[in-house]
Amino acid sequence: MLPGRFVAQVSGHLDLCRDGWRENPQELTCSTCGARDLYDVGPVLVSQDRGGTPQVTFVGYFRCHSCGASGPWTSPDLDYLALSAIAGGVLGRAFGSKSPGGLGEIELFDGHRPRSSADAEEHLLDLLLADPLNAQHFVRLANVYLTGGRPDLAMTAAERALDLEPDHFEALLLIGHMLRRLDPAEAARHLRHAVAVARRYRALPLQEMRKLLAAALRDLMRIHRNSGDEIPFFPSEEEMSAARSGDTIWTRMEETTIHIRARGDDAAAYLPLASLLLSPDRTPPDQCGPKSDLIPSGREPWRREPGPGRNEPCPCGSGRKYKHCCGRDA
């Protein structure tokens, strides 16, 4: 019953939209109504308050089955759960394994530190009550839901953000990300739209924009290859015009001129292209690509001076090859 064009599709295939989600069922008691039940709490984060008391944060999105409260929660196993999360996080970093939790906490854009995804939801809904047409708040809400293992709710919030702002870069990315296994063609359409409007988006720092855009380009390339090259990788001129981004730098870029220095599975390989797609006025020279490709400010690039080839006669007239004569120490 959730509103949105793609919500029913996502609801029927939640597992395809929850990357790396590991269920973590725990029995908790709601402090509001006293009801006890089993919940998928997702990753568990542990931090300490100023008094040194451990604070447990549940990343998974859930609410009390009886009263709908977001907590707080109690459990006789809470200390063990916190200890397991800390140990799992430490071991995961040491051995490269994935663990449902570790040291840390959730912090929202305005500094609010919720103790669960449902608590974060309440905070953002309060902000939306005061400003119901704020697309950015809906995107933040979608991120909370997606991180909490509820892509169906995330899709509803992301689509609402797109209704409010049809060119919202982050909303387009979220929808494309969630649809890429369910409807590759529709996912690619949203991702290409995100690529087309990226240079005009100003809500994120440049470094974060580059990373998000590089990940979108990687996903587009995967969809393009998996479709046997039928689904386009790069926005067409029509898509660029529809996104009101039809400047000559963009419309003249053709897929055949784009060179990706990798097999296309690593988002970092797309960072140079992401830098190229972001407008020059946003991209400082020191953030345009790998450092090995850059020329330090104020220095000219090294250029080889014209001269004889290594196997050509030495210009000194000795009759020997240049590499065996004056070019021996060059």
C-alpha atoms as a PDB file:
ATOM      1  CA  MET A   1       0.000   0.000   0.000  1.00  0.00           C
ATOM      2  CA  LEU A   2       3.032   2.311   0.032  1.00  0.00           C
ATOM      3  CA  PRO A   3       2.943   5.044  -2.614  1.00  0.00           C
ATOM      4  CA  GLY A   4       5.408   4.952  -5.472  1.00  0.00           C
ATOM      5  CA  ARG A   5       5.808   3.501  -8.937  1.00  0.00           C
ATOM      6  CA  PHE A   6       8.430   0.891  -8.055  1.00  0.00           C
ATOM      7  CA  VAL A   7       7.571   0.123  -4.417  1.00  0.00           C
ATOM      8  CA  ALA A   8       5.515  -3.021  -5.055  1.00  0.00           C
ATOM      9  CA  GLN A   9       8.288  -4.401  -7.253  1.00  0.00           C
ATOM     10  CA  VAL A  10      10.871  -3.800  -4.536  1.00  0.00           C
ATOM     11  CA  SER A  11       8.601  -5.167  -1.786  1.00  0.00           C
ATOM     12  CA  GLY A  12       8.352  -8.484  -3.595  1.00  0.00           C
ATOM     13  CA  HIS A  13      12.151  -8.826  -3.907  1.00  0.00           C
ATOM     14  CA  LEU A  14      13.658  -7.232  -0.791  1.00  0.00           C
ATOM     15  CA  ASP A  15      16.698  -9.505  -0.793  1.00  0.00           C
ATOM     16  CA  LEU A  16      17.732  -8.309  -4.261  1.00  0.00           C
ATOM     17  CA  CYS A  17      17.829  -4.723  -3.013  1.00  0.00           C
ATOM     18  CA  ARG A  18      19.649  -5.270   0.287  1.00  0.00           C
ATOM     19  CA  ASP A  19      23.345  -5.503  -0.538  1.00  0.00           C
ATOM     20  CA  GLY A  20      25.257  -7.623   1.968  1.00  0.00           C
ATOM     21  CA  TRP A  21      22.448  -7.530   4.535  1.00  0.00           C
ATOM     22  CA  ARG A  22      22.965 -10.114   7.279  1.00  0.00           C
ATOM     23  CA  GLU A  23      19.980 -10.895   9.487  1.00  0.00           C
ATOM     24  CA  ASN A  24      20.572 -10.468  13.189  1.00  0.00           C
ATOM     25  CA  PRO A  25      17.418 -11.586  15.091  1.00  0.00           C
ATOM     26  CA  GLN A  26      17.348 -10.563  18.748  1.00  0.00           C
ATOM     27  CA  GLU A  27      14.685 -10.719  21.435  1.00  0.00           C
ATOM     28  CA  LEU A  28      14.019  -7.232  22.804  1.00  0.00           C
ATOM     29  CA  THR A  29      11.582  -5.660  25.237  1.00  0.00           C
ATOM     30  CA  CYS A  30       9.962  -2.334  24.406  1.00  0.00           C
ATOM     31  CA  SER A  31      10.389   0.081  27.307  1.00  0.00           C
ATOM     32  CA  THR A  32       7.299   1.996  26.189  1.00  0.00           C
ATOM     33  CA  CYS A  33       4.701  -0.786  26.443  1.00  0.00           C
ATOM     34  CA  GLY A  34       6.666  -3.686  27.951  1.00  0.00           C
ATOM     35  CA  ALA A  35       5.984  -6.067  25.047  1.00  0.00           C
ATOM     36  CA  ARG A  36       8.717  -8.537  24.196  1.00  0.00           C
ATOM     37  CA  ASP A  37       9.305  -9.845  20.681  1.00  0.00           C
ATOM     38  CA  LEU A  38      11.907 -10.936  18.132  1.00  0.00           C
ATOM     39  CA  TYR A  39      13.373  -8.256  15.831  1.00  0.00           C
ATOM     40  CA  ASP A  40      15.974  -8.167  13.074  1.00  0.00           C
ATOM     41  CA  VAL A  41      18.202  -5.491  14.597  1.00  0.00           C
ATOM     42  CA  GLY A  42      20.799  -5.591  11.816  1.00  0.00           C
ATOM     43  CA  PRO A  43      24.335  -4.377  12.586  1.00  0.00           C
ATOM     44  CA  VAL A  44      24.890  -3.324  16.190  1.00  0.00           C
ATOM     45  CA  LEU A  45      27.101  -0.328  16.943  1.00  0.00           C
ATOM     46  CA  VAL A  46      28.589   0.389  20.356  1.00  0.00           C
ATOM     47  CA  SER A  47      29.832   3.731  21.648  1.00  0.00           C
ATOM     48  CA  GLN A  48      30.317   5.359  25.045  1.00  0.00           C
ATOM     49  CA  ASP A  49      28.639   8.423  26.491  1.00  0.00           C
ATOM     50  CA  ARG A  50      30.514  11.018  28.518  1.00  0.00           C
ATOM     51  CA  GLY A  51      30.050   8.986  31.668  1.00  0.00           C
ATOM     52  CA  GLY A  52      31.681   5.951  30.104  1.00  0.00           C
ATOM     53  CA  THR A  53      28.425   3.985  29.824  1.00  0.00           C
ATOM     54  CA  PRO A  54      28.223   1.798  26.700  1.00  0.00           C
ATOM     55  CA  GLN A  55      25.557   2.979  24.245  1.00  0.00           C
ATOM     56  CA  VAL A  56      24.053   0.442  21.836  1.00  0.00           C
ATOM     57  CA  THR A  57      22.704   1.532  18.439  1.00  0.00           C
ATOM     58  CA  PHE A  58      20.621  -0.734  16.206  1.00  0.00           C
ATOM     59  CA  VAL A  59      21.160  -0.022  12.506  1.00  0.00           C
ATOM     60  CA  GLY A  60      18.292  -2.254  11.363  1.00  0.00           C
ATOM     61  CA  TYR A  61      14.927  -0.531  10.948  1.00  0.00           C
ATOM     62  CA  PHE A  62      12.193  -1.945  13.196  1.00  0.00           C
ATOM     63  CA  ARG A  63       9.459  -0.721  15.517  1.00  0.00           C
ATOM     64  CA  CYS A  64       7.602  -2.317  18.398  1.00  0.00           C
ATOM     65  CA  HIS A  65       5.093  -4.811  17.032  1.00  0.00           C
ATOM     66  CA  SER A  66       2.633  -3.901  19.786  1.00  0.00           C
ATOM     67  CA  CYS A  67       2.719  -0.102  20.139  1.00  0.00           C
ATOM     68  CA  GLY A  68       4.839   1.049  17.191  1.00  0.00           C
ATOM     69  CA  ALA A  69       7.409   2.807  19.391  1.00  0.00           C
ATOM     70  CA  SER A  70      11.004   3.249  18.230  1.00  0.00           C
ATOM     71  CA  GLY A  71      12.341   2.272  21.657  1.00  0.00           C
ATOM     72  CA  PRO A  72      14.203   2.448  23.915  1.00  0.00           C
ATOM     73  CA  TRP A  73      14.842  -1.272  24.126  1.00  0.00           C
ATOM     74  CA  THR A  74      15.980  -3.552  26.913  1.00  0.00           C
ATOM     75  CA  SER A  75      17.221  -7.110  26.915  1.00  0.00           C
ATOM     76  CA  PRO A  76      19.010  -9.368  29.389  1.00  0.00           C
ATOM     77  CA  ASP A  77      21.405 -10.142  26.542  1.00  0.00           C
ATOM     78  CA  LEU A  78      22.143  -6.494  25.725  1.00  0.00           C
ATOM     79  CA  ASP A  79      25.604  -6.494  27.326  1.00  0.00           C
ATOM     80  CA  TYR A  80      26.504  -9.731  25.548  1.00  0.00           C
ATOM     81  CA  LEU A  81      25.180  -8.269  22.291  1.00  0.00           C
ATOM     82  CA  ALA A  82      27.361  -5.176  22.722  1.00  0.00           C
ATOM     83  CA  LEU A  83      30.426  -7.265  23.558  1.00  0.00           C
ATOM     84  CA  SER A  84      29.830  -9.502  20.534  1.00  0.00           C
ATOM     85  CA  ALA A  85      29.510  -6.463  18.272  1.00  0.00           C
ATOM     86  CA  ILE A  86      32.787  -4.996  19.537  1.00  0.00           C
ATOM     87  CA  ALA A  87      34.634  -8.307  19.212  1.00  0.00           C
ATOM     88  CA  GLY A  88      33.146  -8.941  15.786  1.00  0.00           C
ATOM     89  CA  GLY A  89      34.165  -5.490  14.555  1.00  0.00           C
ATOM     90  CA  VAL A  90      37.733  -5.925  15.785  1.00  0.00           C
ATOM     91  CA  LEU A  91      38.054  -9.392  14.258  1.00  0.00           C
ATOM     92  CA  GLY A  92      36.459  -8.200  11.037  1.00  0.00           C
ATOM     93  CA  ARG A  93      39.052  -5.452  10.622  1.00  0.00           C
ATOM     94  CA  ALA A  94      41.873  -7.820  11.507  1.00  0.00           C
ATOM     95  CA  PHE A  95      40.867 -10.650   9.168  1.00  0.00           C
ATOM     96  CA  GLY A  96      38.827  -8.823   6.542  1.00  0.00           C
ATOM     97  CA  SER A  97      35.584 -10.630   7.391  1.00  0.00           C
ATOM     98  CA  LYS A  98      32.147  -9.053   7.580  1.00  0.00           C
ATOM     99  CA  SER A  99      30.609  -8.639  11.005  1.00  0.00           C
ATOM    100  CA  PRO A 100      27.140  -7.309  11.921  1.00  0.00           C
ATOM    101  CA  GLY A 101      28.419  -4.407  13.979  1.00  0.00           C
ATOM    102  CA  GLY A 102      31.369  -2.885  15.777  1.00  0.00           C
ATOM    103  CA  LEU A 103      32.446   0.362  17.408  1.00  0.00           C
ATOM    104  CA  GLY A 104      30.630   3.482  16.247  1.00  0.00           C
ATOM    105  CA  GLU A 105      27.316   5.276  16.136  1.00  0.00           C
ATOM    106  CA  ILE A 106      24.891   6.906  13.712  1.00  0.00           C
ATOM    107  CA  GLU A 107      25.163  10.661  13.262  1.00  0.00           C
ATOM    108  CA  LEU A 108      22.727  12.565  11.078  1.00  0.00           C
ATOM    109  CA  PHE A 109      23.550  15.638   9.021  1.00  0.00           C
ATOM    110  CA  ASP A 110      22.572  18.021  11.815  1.00  0.00           C
ATOM    111  CA  GLY A 111      24.525  16.238  14.558  1.00  0.00           C
ATOM    112  CA  HIS A 112      21.597  14.224  15.942  1.00  0.00           C
ATOM    113  CA  ARG A 113      22.721  10.807  17.254  1.00  0.00           C
ATOM    114  CA  PRO A 114      19.833   8.326  17.146  1.00  0.00           C
ATOM    115  CA  ARG A 115      19.910   4.968  18.926  1.00  0.00           C
ATOM    116  CA  SER A 116      18.176   3.154  16.073  1.00  0.00           C
ATOM    117  CA  SER A 117      17.083   3.698  12.487  1.00  0.00           C
ATOM    118  CA  ALA A 118      13.515   4.137  13.747  1.00  0.00           C
ATOM    119  CA  ASP A 119      14.752   6.896  16.057  1.00  0.00           C
ATOM    120  CA  ALA A 120      16.481   8.532  13.078  1.00  0.00           C
ATOM    121  CA  GLU A 121      13.217   8.231  11.141  1.00  0.00           C
ATOM    122  CA  GLU A 122      11.310  10.059  13.889  1.00  0.00           C
ATOM    123  CA  HIS A 123      13.820  12.907  13.866  1.00  0.00           C
ATOM    124  CA  LEU A 124      13.616  13.310  10.084  1.00  0.00           C
ATOM    125  CA  LEU A 125       9.814  13.078  10.086  1.00  0.00           C
ATOM    126  CA  ASP A 126       9.716  15.907  12.629  1.00  0.00           C
ATOM    127  CA  LEU A 127      11.824  17.973  10.225  1.00  0.00           C
ATOM    128  CA  LEU A 128       9.492  17.098   7.351  1.00  0.00           C
ATOM    129  CA  LEU A 129       6.456  18.160   9.375  1.00  0.00           C
ATOM    130  CA  ALA A 130       8.029  21.592   9.572  1.00  0.00           C
ATOM    131  CA  ASP A 131       9.196  21.558   5.934  1.00  0.00           C
ATOM    132  CA  PRO A 132       7.126  18.984   3.968  1.00  0.00           C
ATOM    133  CA  LEU A 133       8.491  19.984   0.538  1.00  0.00           C
ATOM    134  CA  ASN A 134      12.144  19.456   1.435  1.00  0.00           C
ATOM    135  CA  ALA A 135      13.384  16.851  -1.050  1.00  0.00           C
ATOM    136  CA  GLN A 136      16.742  16.566   0.714  1.00  0.00           C
ATOM    137  CA  HIS A 137      15.060  15.414   3.937  1.00  0.00           C
ATOM    138  CA  PHE A 138      13.234  12.700   1.977  1.00  0.00           C
ATOM    139  CA  VAL A 139      16.559  11.544   0.509  1.00  0.00           C
ATOM    140  CA  ARG A 140      18.057  11.417   4.016  1.00  0.00           C
ATOM    141  CA  LEU A 141      15.058   9.391   5.137  1.00  0.00           C
ATOM    142  CA  ALA A 142      15.530   7.025   2.173  1.00  0.00           C
ATOM    143  CA  ASN A 143      19.176   6.503   3.176  1.00  0.00           C
ATOM    144  CA  VAL A 144      18.105   5.644   6.741  1.00  0.00           C
ATOM    145  CA  TYR A 145      15.619   3.066   5.462  1.00  0.00           C
ATOM    146  CA  LEU A 146      18.040   1.534   2.963  1.00  0.00           C
ATOM    147  CA  THR A 147      20.822   1.272   5.544  1.00  0.00           C
ATOM    148  CA  GLY A 148      18.281  -0.242   7.935  1.00  0.00           C
ATOM    149  CA  GLY A 149      17.398  -3.044   5.537  1.00  0.00           C
ATOM    150  CA  ARG A 150      14.069  -1.675   4.278  1.00  0.00           C
ATOM    151  CA  PRO A 151      14.475  -0.821   0.570  1.00  0.00           C
ATOM    152  CA  ASP A 152      10.681  -0.720   0.118  1.00  0.00           C
ATOM    153  CA  LEU A 153      10.401   2.241   2.482  1.00  0.00           C
ATOM    154  CA  ALA A 154      13.551   3.714   0.963  1.00  0.00           C
ATOM    155  CA  MET A 155      11.985   3.588  -2.509  1.00  0.00           C
ATOM    156  CA  THR A 156       8.885   5.415  -1.269  1.00  0.00           C
ATOM    157  CA  ALA A 157      10.981   8.233   0.220  1.00  0.00           C
ATOM    158  CA  ALA A 158      13.303   8.456  -2.809  1.00  0.00           C
ATOM    159  CA  GLU A 159      10.400   8.613  -5.259  1.00  0.00           C
ATOM    160  CA  ARG A 160       8.780  11.342  -3.167  1.00  0.00           C
ATOM    161  CA  ALA A 161      12.027  13.331  -3.327  1.00  0.00           C
ATOM    162  CA  LEU A 162      12.056  12.907  -7.107  1.00  0.00           C
ATOM    163  CA  ASP A 163       8.438  14.086  -7.318  1.00  0.00           C
ATOM    164  CA  LEU A 164       9.488  17.271  -5.550  1.00  0.00           C
ATOM    165  CA  GLU A 165      12.720  17.728  -7.517  1.00  0.00           C
ATOM    166  CA  PRO A 166      12.798  15.712 -10.794  1.00  0.00           C
ATOM    167  CA  ASP A 167      16.551  16.328 -11.205  1.00  0.00           C
ATOM    168  CA  HIS A 168      17.590  15.401  -7.665  1.00  0.00           C
ATOM    169  CA  PHE A 169      20.961  13.673  -8.121  1.00  0.00           C
ATOM    170  CA  GLU A 170      20.900  11.585  -4.930  1.00  0.00           C
ATOM    171  CA  ALA A 171      17.295  10.449  -5.369  1.00  0.00           C
ATOM    172  CA  LEU A 172      18.077   9.293  -8.922  1.00  0.00           C
ATOM    173  CA  LEU A 173      21.108   7.371  -7.645  1.00  0.00           C
ATOM    174  CA  LEU A 174      19.114   5.673  -4.887  1.00  0.00           C
ATOM    175  CA  ILE A 175      16.359   4.545  -7.247  1.00  0.00           C
ATOM    176  CA  GLY A 176      18.849   3.336  -9.837  1.00  0.00           C
ATOM    177  CA  HIS A 177      20.823   1.475  -7.178  1.00  0.00           C
ATOM    178  CA  MET A 178      17.756  -0.353  -5.846  1.00  0.00           C
ATOM    179  CA  LEU A 179      16.431  -1.283  -9.302  1.00  0.00           C
ATOM    180  CA  ARG A 180      19.632  -2.514 -10.895  1.00  0.00           C
ATOM    181  CA  ARG A 181      18.849  -6.210 -10.255  1.00  0.00           C
ATOM    182  CA  LEU A 182      15.064  -5.925 -10.631  1.00  0.00           C
ATOM    183  CA  ASP A 183      14.755  -3.771 -13.739  1.00  0.00           C
ATOM    184  CA  PRO A 184      18.163  -3.022 -15.319  1.00  0.00           C
ATOM    185  CA  ALA A 185      16.738  -0.833 -18.086  1.00  0.00           C
ATOM    186  CA  GLU A 186      14.835   1.374 -15.631  1.00  0.00           C
ATOM    187  CA  ALA A 187      17.816   1.457 -13.280  1.00  0.00           C
ATOM    188  CA  ALA A 188      20.081   2.583 -16.134  1.00  0.00           C
ATOM    189  CA  ARG A 189      17.608   5.293 -17.136  1.00  0.00           C
ATOM    190  CA  HIS A 190      17.713   6.779 -13.629  1.00  0.00           C
ATOM    191  CA  LEU A 191      21.486   6.442 -13.397  1.00  0.00           C
ATOM    192  CA  ARG A 192      22.010   8.122 -16.774  1.00  0.00           C
ATOM    193  CA  HIS A 193      19.721  10.924 -15.631  1.00  0.00           C
ATOM    194  CA  ALA A 194      21.888  11.261 -12.501  1.00  0.00           C
ATOM    195  CA  VAL A 195      25.008  11.478 -14.667  1.00  0.00           C
ATOM    196  CA  ALA A 196      23.359  14.159 -16.802  1.00  0.00           C
ATOM    197  CA  VAL A 197      22.461  16.410 -13.849  1.00  0.00           C
ATOM    198  CA  ALA A 198      25.539  15.755 -11.686  1.00  0.00           C
ATOM    199  CA  ARG A 199      27.433  18.896 -12.673  1.00  0.00           C
ATOM    200  CA  ARG A 200      24.565  21.139 -11.498  1.00  0.00           C
ATOM    201  CA  TYR A 201      24.127  19.475  -8.104  1.00  0.00           C
ATOM    202  CA  ARG A 202      25.563  21.448  -5.206  1.00  0.00           C
ATOM    203  CA  ALA A 203      24.243  19.747  -2.051  1.00  0.00           C
ATOM    204  CA  LEU A 204      27.305  17.509  -1.575  1.00  0.00           C
ATOM    205  CA  PRO A 205      31.055  18.174  -1.274  1.00  0.00           C
ATOM    206  CA  LEU A 206      33.033  17.599  -4.449  1.00  0.00           C
ATOM    207  CA  GLN A 207      34.937  14.565  -3.148  1.00  0.00           C
ATOM    208  CA  GLU A 208      31.694  12.807  -2.210  1.00  0.00           C
ATOM    209  CA  MET A 209      30.153  13.740  -5.560  1.00  0.00           C
ATOM    210  CA  ARG A 210      33.103  12.169  -7.393  1.00  0.00           C
ATOM    211  CA  LYS A 211      32.748   8.916  -5.464  1.00  0.00           C
ATOM    212  CA  LEU A 212      28.988   8.681  -5.975  1.00  0.00           C
ATOM    213  CA  LEU A 213      29.252   9.536  -9.651  1.00  0.00           C
ATOM    214  CA  ALA A 214      32.057   6.997 -10.142  1.00  0.00           C
ATOM    215  CA  ALA A 215      29.911   4.282  -8.504  1.00  0.00           C
ATOM    216  CA  ALA A 216      26.991   5.213 -10.769  1.00  0.00           C
ATOM    217  CA  LEU A 217      29.214   4.966 -13.855  1.00  0.00           C
ATOM    218  CA  ARG A 218      30.493   1.567 -12.723  1.00  0.00           C
ATOM    219  CA  ASP A 219      26.910   0.299 -12.272  1.00  0.00           C
ATOM    220  CA  LEU A 220      25.960   1.694 -15.673  1.00  0.00           C
ATOM    221  CA  MET A 221      28.865  -0.142 -17.288  1.00  0.00           C
ATOM    222  CA  ARG A 222      27.869  -3.406 -15.572  1.00  0.00           C
ATOM    223  CA  ILE A 223      24.284  -3.039 -16.799  1.00  0.00           C
ATOM    224  CA  HIS A 224      25.545  -2.119 -20.285  1.00  0.00           C
ATOM    225  CA  ARG A 225      27.771  -5.194 -20.504  1.00  0.00           C
ATOM    226  CA  ASN A 226      25.240  -7.591 -18.955  1.00  0.00           C
ATOM    227  CA  SER A 227      22.660  -6.475 -21.535  1.00  0.00           C
ATOM    228  CA  GLY A 228      24.987  -7.329 -24.387  1.00  0.00           C
ATOM    229  CA  ASP A 229      25.531  -3.601 -25.017  1.00  0.00           C
ATOM    230  CA  GLU A 230      21.794  -3.067 -25.647  1.00  0.00           C
ATOM    231  CA  ILE A 231      21.244  -0.764 -22.664  1.00  0.00           C
ATOM    232  CA  PRO A 232      23.229   2.455 -23.273  1.00  0.00           C
ATOM    233  CA  PHE A 233      26.088   3.280 -20.922  1.00  0.00           C
ATOM    234  CA  PHE A 234      26.224   7.046 -21.426  1.00  0.00           C
ATOM    235  CA  PRO A 235      23.333   9.561 -21.623  1.00  0.00           C
ATOM    236  CA  SER A 236      22.174  10.314 -25.138  1.00  0.00           C
ATOM    237  CA  GLU A 237      21.855  13.863 -26.466  1.00  0.00           C
ATOM    238  CA  GLU A 238      18.086  13.601 -25.952  1.00  0.00           C
ATOM    239  CA  GLU A 239      18.586  12.605 -22.305  1.00  0.00           C
ATOM    240  CA  MET A 240      21.072  15.421 -21.835  1.00  0.00           C
ATOM    241  CA  SER A 241      18.628  17.920 -23.298  1.00  0.00           C
ATOM    242  CA  ALA A 242      15.785  16.594 -21.155  1.00  0.00           C
ATOM    243  CA  ALA A 243      18.013  17.088 -18.119  1.00  0.00           C
ATOM    244  CA  ARG A 244      18.832  20.609 -19.338  1.00  0.00           C
ATOM    245  CA  SER A 245      22.538  19.764 -19.413  1.00  0.00           C
ATOM    246  CA  GLY A 246      23.136  20.064 -23.135  1.00  0.00           C
ATOM    247  CA  ASP A 247      26.358  22.013 -23.175  1.00  0.00           C
ATOM    248  CA  THR A 248      28.934  21.247 -25.826  1.00  0.00           C
ATOM    249  CA  ILE A 249      31.414  19.659 -23.423  1.00  0.00           C
ATOM    250  CA  TRP A 250      28.841  16.980 -22.688  1.00  0.00           C
ATOM    251  CA  THR A 251      27.024  16.471 -25.955  1.00  0.00           C
ATOM    252  CA  ARG A 252      30.280  15.973 -27.866  1.00  0.00           C
ATOM    253  CA  MET A 253      31.430  13.201 -25.559  1.00  0.00           C
ATOM    254  CA  GLU A 254      30.933   9.899 -27.290  1.00  0.00           C
ATOM    255  CA  GLU A 255      31.155   6.495 -25.727  1.00  0.00           C
ATOM    256  CA  THR A 256      33.976   5.507 -28.085  1.00  0.00           C
ATOM    257  CA  THR A 257      36.196   8.274 -26.709  1.00  0.00           C
ATOM    258  CA  ILE A 258      35.862   7.192 -23.071  1.00  0.00           C
ATOM    259  CA  HIS A 259      38.701   5.001 -21.845  1.00  0.00           C
ATOM    260  CA  ILE A 260      38.333   3.238 -18.501  1.00  0.00           C
ATOM    261  CA  ARG A 261      41.640   2.054 -17.062  1.00  0.00           C
ATOM    262  CA  ALA A 262      40.270  -1.142 -15.517  1.00  0.00           C
ATOM    263  CA  ARG A 263      37.916  -3.996 -16.256  1.00  0.00           C
ATOM    264  CA  GLY A 264      35.021  -1.892 -15.034  1.00  0.00           C
ATOM    265  CA  ASP A 265      34.393  -3.639 -11.713  1.00  0.00           C
ATOM    266  CA  ASP A 266      36.135  -1.113  -9.473  1.00  0.00           C
ATOM    267  CA  ALA A 267      34.438   2.248  -8.928  1.00  0.00           C
ATOM    268  CA  ALA A 268      37.856   3.878  -8.445  1.00  0.00           C
ATOM    269  CA  ALA A 269      38.570   3.245 -12.140  1.00  0.00           C
ATOM    270  CA  TYR A 270      35.792   5.709 -12.984  1.00  0.00           C
ATOM    271  CA  LEU A 271      37.039   8.570 -10.815  1.00  0.00           C
ATOM    272  CA  PRO A 272      38.881  10.337 -13.688  1.00  0.00           C
ATOM    273  CA  LEU A 273      35.739  10.176 -15.823  1.00  0.00           C
ATOM    274  CA  ALA A 274      33.637  11.413 -12.902  1.00  0.00           C
ATOM    275  CA  SER A 275      36.002  14.375 -12.550  1.00  0.00           C
ATOM    276  CA  LEU A 276      35.691  15.103 -16.251  1.00  0.00           C
ATOM    277  CA  LEU A 277      31.897  15.068 -16.059  1.00  0.00           C
ATOM    278  CA  LEU A 278      31.774  17.515 -13.171  1.00  0.00           C
ATOM    279  CA  SER A 279      31.989  21.074 -14.427  1.00  0.00           C
ATOM    280  CA  PRO A 280      35.436  22.733 -14.501  1.00  0.00           C
ATOM    281  CA  ASP A 281      34.335  25.453 -12.069  1.00  0.00           C
ATOM    282  CA  ARG A 282      33.657  22.764  -9.445  1.00  0.00           C
ATOM    283  CA  THR A 283      36.728  20.625  -9.961  1.00  0.00           C
ATOM    284  CA  PRO A 284      39.968  21.881  -8.376  1.00  0.00           C
ATOM    285  CA  PRO A 285      43.097  20.671 -10.240  1.00  0.00           C
ATOM    286  CA  ASP A 286      44.223  18.580  -7.265  1.00  0.00           C
ATOM    287  CA  GLN A 287      41.004  16.520  -7.372  1.00  0.00           C
ATOM    288  CA  CYS A 288      40.727  15.707 -11.058  1.00  0.00           C
ATOM    289  CA  GLY A 289      42.202  12.231 -10.934  1.00  0.00           C
ATOM    290  CA  PRO A 290      44.994  10.031  -9.630  1.00  0.00           C
ATOM    291  CA  LYS A 291      48.005  12.005  -8.389  1.00  0.00           C
ATOM    292  CA  SER A 292      50.244  10.312 -10.922  1.00  0.00           C
ATOM    293  CA  ASP A 293      48.257  12.026 -13.689  1.00  0.00           C
ATOM    294  CA  LEU A 294      48.586  15.504 -12.215  1.00  0.00           C
ATOM    295  CA  ILE A 295      51.058  18.316 -12.785  1.00  0.00           C
ATOM    296  CA  PRO A 296      51.822  20.265  -9.602  1.00  0.00           C
ATOM    297  CA  SER A 297      50.596  23.841  -9.716  1.00  0.00           C
ATOM    298  CA  GLY A 298      53.135  26.283 -11.176  1.00  0.00           C
ATOM    299  CA  ARG A 299      55.273  23.624 -12.876  1.00  0.00           C
ATOM    300  CA  GLU A 300      55.422  22.835 -16.548  1.00  0.00           C
ATOM    301  CA  PRO A 301      55.050  19.213 -17.655  1.00  0.00           C
ATOM    302  CA  TRP A 302      58.266  17.479 -18.676  1.00  0.00           C
ATOM    303  CA  ARG A 303      58.725  17.307 -22.423  1.00  0.00           C
ATOM    304  CA  ARG A 304      61.460  15.486 -24.296  1.00  0.00           C
ATOM    305  CA  GLU A 305      63.629  17.832 -26.331  1.00  0.00           C
ATOM    306  CA  PRO A 306      63.908  16.963 -30.031  1.00  0.00           C
ATOM    307  CA  GLY A 307      67.069  15.044 -30.838  1.00  0.00           C
ATOM    308  CA  PRO A 308      68.459  11.934 -32.556  1.00  0.00           C
ATOM    309  CA  GLY A 309      66.963   8.519 -31.930  1.00  0.00           C
ATOM    310  CA  ARG A 310      68.928   5.975 -29.907  1.00  0.00           C
ATOM    311  CA  ASN A 311      69.828   3.939 -32.982  1.00  0.00           C
ATOM    312  CA  GLU A 312      70.555   6.881 -35.287  1.00  0.00           C
ATOM    313  CA  PRO A 313      74.146   8.044 -36.121  1.00  0.00           C
ATOM    314  CA  CYS A 314      75.571  10.288 -33.439  1.00  0.00           C
ATOM    315  CA  PRO A 315      75.547  13.965 -34.540  1.00  0.00           C
ATOM    316  CA  CYS A 316      79.176  14.369 -33.329  1.00  0.00           C
ATOM    317  CA  GLY A 317      80.390  12.576 -36.476  1.00  0.00           C
ATOM    318  CA  SER A 318      82.017   9.578 -34.742  1.00  0.00           C
ATOM    319  CA  GLY A 319      80.158   7.127 -36.962  1.00  0.00           C
ATOM    320  CA  ARG A 320      78.786   5.247 -33.985  1.00  0.00           C
ATOM    321  CA  LYS A 321      75.133   4.976 -32.953  1.00  0.00           C
ATOM    322  CA  TYR A 322      73.919   7.746 -30.672  1.00  0.00           C
ATOM    323  CA  LYS A 323      73.220   5.294 -27.815  1.00  0.00           C
ATOM    324  CA  HIS A 324      76.860   4.091 -27.885  1.00  0.00           C
ATOM    325  CA  CYS A 325      78.346   7.566 -28.121  1.00  0.00           C
ATOM    326  CA  CYS A 326      77.094  10.931 -26.828  1.00  0.00           C
ATOM    327  CA  GLY A 327      73.735   9.427 -25.899  1.00  0.00           C
ATOM    328  CA  ARG A 328      75.267   6.795 -23.622  1.00  0.00           C
ATOM    329  CA  ASP A 329      74.619   8.877 -20.485  1.00  0.00           C
ATOM    330  CA  ALA A 330      71.373  10.485 -21.681  1.00  0.00           C
END
